[in-house]
Amino acid sequence: MSHTATRGMHPATYDNQYVDEKEHHATTGWVGWIGFAGFMMMLGGIFQAISGLVGIFSNTFYTVSNSSSQLLVIHDLKTWGWVNLILGAVILAAGISLFSGSMWSRIVAVTLAMFSAMANLVSINLYPAWSIIFMTISILVIYAVVVHGSELREG
């Protein structure tokens, strides 16, 4: 009863605004890519942290084919384990925050995915399969967030 009276008194009611906004900001099926990116960041962060812990506590985890002189940047494997542990924890937190859809979380997600890809590129001599898998995951996360990131906020 009050709904019809309100509609007559105020031509632009909340109901009409809500319908107009939903029609104006229609989301596509690509929103799932952002969910994928968030879960992959969370999973990647956990795996990266585990890799760091194993590198800290086990000196024989990382294998180098000929000698440690082949490494580009890494001179101390325990330090590299700490770098992986911290990077993994931050990537995990960024993956969780990505579900909010805010611009800052998307910027953080892309930045951390870039750092993860670069860190795994640097350590490709230590553990090639692990590095290639994480570089691939990082690239997929960057693609999903950059191309379809704004749709999560609208959905």
C-alpha atoms as a PDB file:
ATOM      1  CA  MET A   1       0.000   0.000   0.000  1.00  0.00           C
ATOM      2  CA  SER A   2       2.760   2.460   0.818  1.00  0.00           C
ATOM      3  CA  HIS A   3       4.711   1.215  -2.207  1.00  0.00           C
ATOM      4  CA  THR A   4       2.169   2.592  -4.703  1.00  0.00           C
ATOM      5  CA  ALA A   5       1.823   5.837  -2.765  1.00  0.00           C
ATOM      6  CA  THR A   6       5.587   6.274  -2.682  1.00  0.00           C
ATOM      7  CA  ARG A   7       5.867   5.505  -6.352  1.00  0.00           C
ATOM      8  CA  GLY A   8       3.357   8.202  -7.173  1.00  0.00           C
ATOM      9  CA  MET A   9       5.092  10.771  -4.982  1.00  0.00           C
ATOM     10  CA  HIS A  10       8.659  10.047  -6.081  1.00  0.00           C
ATOM     11  CA  PRO A  11       9.005   9.033  -9.714  1.00  0.00           C
ATOM     12  CA  ALA A  12      12.590   7.776  -9.290  1.00  0.00           C
ATOM     13  CA  THR A  13      12.163   5.223  -6.508  1.00  0.00           C
ATOM     14  CA  TYR A  14      14.785   2.899  -5.139  1.00  0.00           C
ATOM     15  CA  ASP A  15      13.268   0.007  -7.092  1.00  0.00           C
ATOM     16  CA  ASN A  16      13.650   1.823 -10.405  1.00  0.00           C
ATOM     17  CA  GLN A  17      17.221   2.884  -9.604  1.00  0.00           C
ATOM     18  CA  TYR A  18      18.149  -0.669  -8.665  1.00  0.00           C
ATOM     19  CA  VAL A  19      16.761  -2.078 -11.908  1.00  0.00           C
ATOM     20  CA  ASP A  20      18.525   0.638 -13.951  1.00  0.00           C
ATOM     21  CA  GLU A  21      21.849  -0.073 -12.241  1.00  0.00           C
ATOM     22  CA  LYS A  22      21.532  -3.835 -12.802  1.00  0.00           C
ATOM     23  CA  GLU A  23      20.767  -3.301 -16.499  1.00  0.00           C
ATOM     24  CA  HIS A  24      23.599  -0.767 -16.880  1.00  0.00           C
ATOM     25  CA  HIS A  25      26.309  -2.891 -15.184  1.00  0.00           C
ATOM     26  CA  ALA A  26      25.619  -6.401 -16.449  1.00  0.00           C
ATOM     27  CA  THR A  27      28.398  -8.801 -15.565  1.00  0.00           C
ATOM     28  CA  THR A  28      29.616 -11.540 -17.842  1.00  0.00           C
ATOM     29  CA  GLY A  29      30.739 -15.066 -17.218  1.00  0.00           C
ATOM     30  CA  TRP A  30      34.305 -13.792 -16.955  1.00  0.00           C
ATOM     31  CA  VAL A  31      33.761 -12.970 -13.270  1.00  0.00           C
ATOM     32  CA  GLY A  32      34.723 -16.579 -12.641  1.00  0.00           C
ATOM     33  CA  TRP A  33      38.231 -15.756 -13.861  1.00  0.00           C
ATOM     34  CA  ILE A  34      38.654 -13.364 -10.945  1.00  0.00           C
ATOM     35  CA  GLY A  35      37.516 -16.039  -8.527  1.00  0.00           C
ATOM     36  CA  PHE A  36      39.986 -18.350 -10.226  1.00  0.00           C
ATOM     37  CA  ALA A  37      42.726 -15.740  -9.823  1.00  0.00           C
ATOM     38  CA  GLY A  38      41.912 -15.275  -6.123  1.00  0.00           C
ATOM     39  CA  PHE A  39      41.958 -18.996  -5.418  1.00  0.00           C
ATOM     40  CA  MET A  40      45.111 -19.503  -7.479  1.00  0.00           C
ATOM     41  CA  MET A  41      46.817 -16.701  -5.555  1.00  0.00           C
ATOM     42  CA  MET A  42      45.764 -18.267  -2.268  1.00  0.00           C
ATOM     43  CA  LEU A  43      46.942 -21.705  -3.397  1.00  0.00           C
ATOM     44  CA  GLY A  44      50.133 -20.288  -4.895  1.00  0.00           C
ATOM     45  CA  GLY A  45      50.825 -18.339  -1.708  1.00  0.00           C
ATOM     46  CA  ILE A  46      50.447 -21.474   0.390  1.00  0.00           C
ATOM     47  CA  PHE A  47      52.718 -23.479  -1.921  1.00  0.00           C
ATOM     48  CA  GLN A  48      55.269 -20.667  -2.094  1.00  0.00           C
ATOM     49  CA  ALA A  49      55.311 -20.466   1.720  1.00  0.00           C
ATOM     50  CA  ILE A  50      55.731 -24.252   1.978  1.00  0.00           C
ATOM     51  CA  SER A  51      58.578 -24.049  -0.526  1.00  0.00           C
ATOM     52  CA  GLY A  52      60.159 -21.369   1.630  1.00  0.00           C
ATOM     53  CA  LEU A  53      59.800 -23.415   4.804  1.00  0.00           C
ATOM     54  CA  VAL A  54      61.317 -26.461   3.159  1.00  0.00           C
ATOM     55  CA  GLY A  55      64.158 -24.323   1.823  1.00  0.00           C
ATOM     56  CA  ILE A  56      64.819 -22.964   5.307  1.00  0.00           C
ATOM     57  CA  PHE A  57      64.822 -26.326   7.082  1.00  0.00           C
ATOM     58  CA  SER A  58      66.280 -28.593   4.387  1.00  0.00           C
ATOM     59  CA  ASN A  59      69.538 -27.684   2.684  1.00  0.00           C
ATOM     60  CA  THR A  60      69.133 -30.389   0.033  1.00  0.00           C
ATOM     61  CA  PHE A  61      65.660 -29.394  -1.246  1.00  0.00           C
ATOM     62  CA  TYR A  62      66.865 -27.028  -3.944  1.00  0.00           C
ATOM     63  CA  THR A  63      69.003 -28.789  -6.501  1.00  0.00           C
ATOM     64  CA  VAL A  64      71.483 -27.119  -8.793  1.00  0.00           C
ATOM     65  CA  SER A  65      72.634 -29.101 -11.814  1.00  0.00           C
ATOM     66  CA  ASN A  66      76.366 -28.214 -11.921  1.00  0.00           C
ATOM     67  CA  SER A  67      77.347 -25.750  -9.246  1.00  0.00           C
ATOM     68  CA  SER A  68      75.996 -22.807  -7.331  1.00  0.00           C
ATOM     69  CA  SER A  69      78.001 -20.484  -9.564  1.00  0.00           C
ATOM     70  CA  GLN A  70      75.209 -20.834 -12.157  1.00  0.00           C
ATOM     71  CA  LEU A  71      72.736 -18.973  -9.979  1.00  0.00           C
ATOM     72  CA  LEU A  72      71.893 -15.454 -11.102  1.00  0.00           C
ATOM     73  CA  VAL A  73      71.027 -13.754  -7.831  1.00  0.00           C
ATOM     74  CA  ILE A  74      70.782 -16.344  -5.089  1.00  0.00           C
ATOM     75  CA  HIS A  75      73.894 -16.979  -3.026  1.00  0.00           C
ATOM     76  CA  ASP A  76      72.399 -18.225   0.238  1.00  0.00           C
ATOM     77  CA  LEU A  77      69.629 -20.829  -0.044  1.00  0.00           C
ATOM     78  CA  LYS A  78      68.328 -20.202   3.501  1.00  0.00           C
ATOM     79  CA  THR A  79      67.803 -16.551   2.647  1.00  0.00           C
ATOM     80  CA  TRP A  80      66.016 -17.622  -0.518  1.00  0.00           C
ATOM     81  CA  GLY A  81      63.774 -19.803   1.649  1.00  0.00           C
ATOM     82  CA  TRP A  82      62.880 -16.777   3.789  1.00  0.00           C
ATOM     83  CA  VAL A  83      62.151 -14.726   0.664  1.00  0.00           C
ATOM     84  CA  ASN A  84      59.789 -17.448  -0.569  1.00  0.00           C
ATOM     85  CA  LEU A  85      58.096 -17.756   2.826  1.00  0.00           C
ATOM     86  CA  ILE A  86      57.414 -14.013   3.116  1.00  0.00           C
ATOM     87  CA  LEU A  87      56.365 -13.699  -0.523  1.00  0.00           C
ATOM     88  CA  GLY A  88      54.006 -16.663  -0.103  1.00  0.00           C
ATOM     89  CA  ALA A  89      52.333 -15.148   2.965  1.00  0.00           C
ATOM     90  CA  VAL A  90      51.818 -11.814   1.233  1.00  0.00           C
ATOM     91  CA  ILE A  91      50.453 -13.502  -1.919  1.00  0.00           C
ATOM     92  CA  LEU A  92      48.022 -15.502   0.228  1.00  0.00           C
ATOM     93  CA  ALA A  93      46.743 -12.315   1.883  1.00  0.00           C
ATOM     94  CA  ALA A  94      46.417 -10.581  -1.496  1.00  0.00           C
ATOM     95  CA  GLY A  95      44.457 -13.525  -2.896  1.00  0.00           C
ATOM     96  CA  ILE A  96      41.990 -13.261  -0.027  1.00  0.00           C
ATOM     97  CA  SER A  97      41.640  -9.499  -0.488  1.00  0.00           C
ATOM     98  CA  LEU A  98      41.056  -9.918  -4.235  1.00  0.00           C
ATOM     99  CA  PHE A  99      37.532 -11.174  -3.531  1.00  0.00           C
ATOM    100  CA  SER A 100      36.546  -7.675  -2.389  1.00  0.00           C
ATOM    101  CA  GLY A 101      36.925  -6.489  -5.992  1.00  0.00           C
ATOM    102  CA  SER A 102      38.472  -3.172  -4.971  1.00  0.00           C
ATOM    103  CA  MET A 103      40.987  -1.427  -7.184  1.00  0.00           C
ATOM    104  CA  TRP A 104      43.754  -1.520  -4.574  1.00  0.00           C
ATOM    105  CA  SER A 105      43.439  -5.288  -4.180  1.00  0.00           C
ATOM    106  CA  ARG A 106      43.664  -5.751  -7.950  1.00  0.00           C
ATOM    107  CA  ILE A 107      46.785  -3.573  -8.120  1.00  0.00           C
ATOM    108  CA  VAL A 108      48.357  -5.516  -5.258  1.00  0.00           C
ATOM    109  CA  ALA A 109      47.390  -8.825  -6.887  1.00  0.00           C
ATOM    110  CA  VAL A 110      48.977  -7.924 -10.225  1.00  0.00           C
ATOM    111  CA  THR A 111      52.095  -6.508  -8.577  1.00  0.00           C
ATOM    112  CA  LEU A 112      52.601  -9.586  -6.410  1.00  0.00           C
ATOM    113  CA  ALA A 113      51.926 -11.934  -9.304  1.00  0.00           C
ATOM    114  CA  MET A 114      54.632 -10.087 -11.260  1.00  0.00           C
ATOM    115  CA  PHE A 115      57.071 -10.404  -8.339  1.00  0.00           C
ATOM    116  CA  SER A 116      56.209 -14.082  -7.996  1.00  0.00           C
ATOM    117  CA  ALA A 117      56.847 -14.680 -11.697  1.00  0.00           C
ATOM    118  CA  MET A 118      60.176 -12.837 -11.505  1.00  0.00           C
ATOM    119  CA  ALA A 119      61.249 -14.666  -8.328  1.00  0.00           C
ATOM    120  CA  ASN A 120      60.475 -17.998  -9.934  1.00  0.00           C
ATOM    121  CA  LEU A 121      62.311 -17.008 -13.099  1.00  0.00           C
ATOM    122  CA  VAL A 122      65.385 -16.199 -11.030  1.00  0.00           C
ATOM    123  CA  SER A 123      65.189 -19.550  -9.250  1.00  0.00           C
ATOM    124  CA  ILE A 124      64.514 -21.667 -12.333  1.00  0.00           C
ATOM    125  CA  ASN A 125      67.926 -23.368 -11.946  1.00  0.00           C
ATOM    126  CA  LEU A 126      67.073 -24.449  -8.404  1.00  0.00           C
ATOM    127  CA  TYR A 127      63.826 -26.250  -9.160  1.00  0.00           C
ATOM    128  CA  PRO A 128      62.754 -25.980 -12.821  1.00  0.00           C
ATOM    129  CA  ALA A 129      59.356 -27.704 -12.734  1.00  0.00           C
ATOM    130  CA  TRP A 130      58.202 -25.760  -9.664  1.00  0.00           C
ATOM    131  CA  SER A 131      59.325 -22.461 -11.188  1.00  0.00           C
ATOM    132  CA  ILE A 132      57.586 -23.064 -14.522  1.00  0.00           C
ATOM    133  CA  ILE A 133      54.317 -24.029 -12.814  1.00  0.00           C
ATOM    134  CA  PHE A 134      54.369 -20.888 -10.662  1.00  0.00           C
ATOM    135  CA  MET A 135      55.264 -18.623 -13.571  1.00  0.00           C
ATOM    136  CA  THR A 136      52.285 -20.047 -15.478  1.00  0.00           C
ATOM    137  CA  ILE A 137      49.958 -19.496 -12.505  1.00  0.00           C
ATOM    138  CA  SER A 138      51.245 -15.938 -12.112  1.00  0.00           C
ATOM    139  CA  ILE A 139      50.611 -15.152 -15.773  1.00  0.00           C
ATOM    140  CA  LEU A 140      47.056 -16.542 -15.563  1.00  0.00           C
ATOM    141  CA  VAL A 141      46.391 -14.443 -12.447  1.00  0.00           C
ATOM    142  CA  ILE A 142      47.682 -11.297 -14.157  1.00  0.00           C
ATOM    143  CA  TYR A 143      45.507 -11.952 -17.216  1.00  0.00           C
ATOM    144  CA  ALA A 144      42.357 -12.567 -15.192  1.00  0.00           C
ATOM    145  CA  VAL A 145      42.780  -9.523 -12.957  1.00  0.00           C
ATOM    146  CA  VAL A 146      43.829  -7.065 -15.659  1.00  0.00           C
ATOM    147  CA  VAL A 147      41.299  -8.042 -18.303  1.00  0.00           C
ATOM    148  CA  HIS A 148      38.246  -8.809 -16.157  1.00  0.00           C
ATOM    149  CA  GLY A 149      38.991  -7.346 -12.716  1.00  0.00           C
ATOM    150  CA  SER A 150      36.317  -4.657 -12.751  1.00  0.00           C
ATOM    151  CA  GLU A 151      33.526  -7.168 -13.241  1.00  0.00           C
ATOM    152  CA  LEU A 152      33.919  -8.665  -9.756  1.00  0.00           C
ATOM    153  CA  ARG A 153      33.039  -5.367  -8.070  1.00  0.00           C
ATOM    154  CA  GLU A 154      29.930  -5.004 -10.223  1.00  0.00           C
ATOM    155  CA  GLY A 155      28.768  -8.595  -9.652  1.00  0.00           C
END
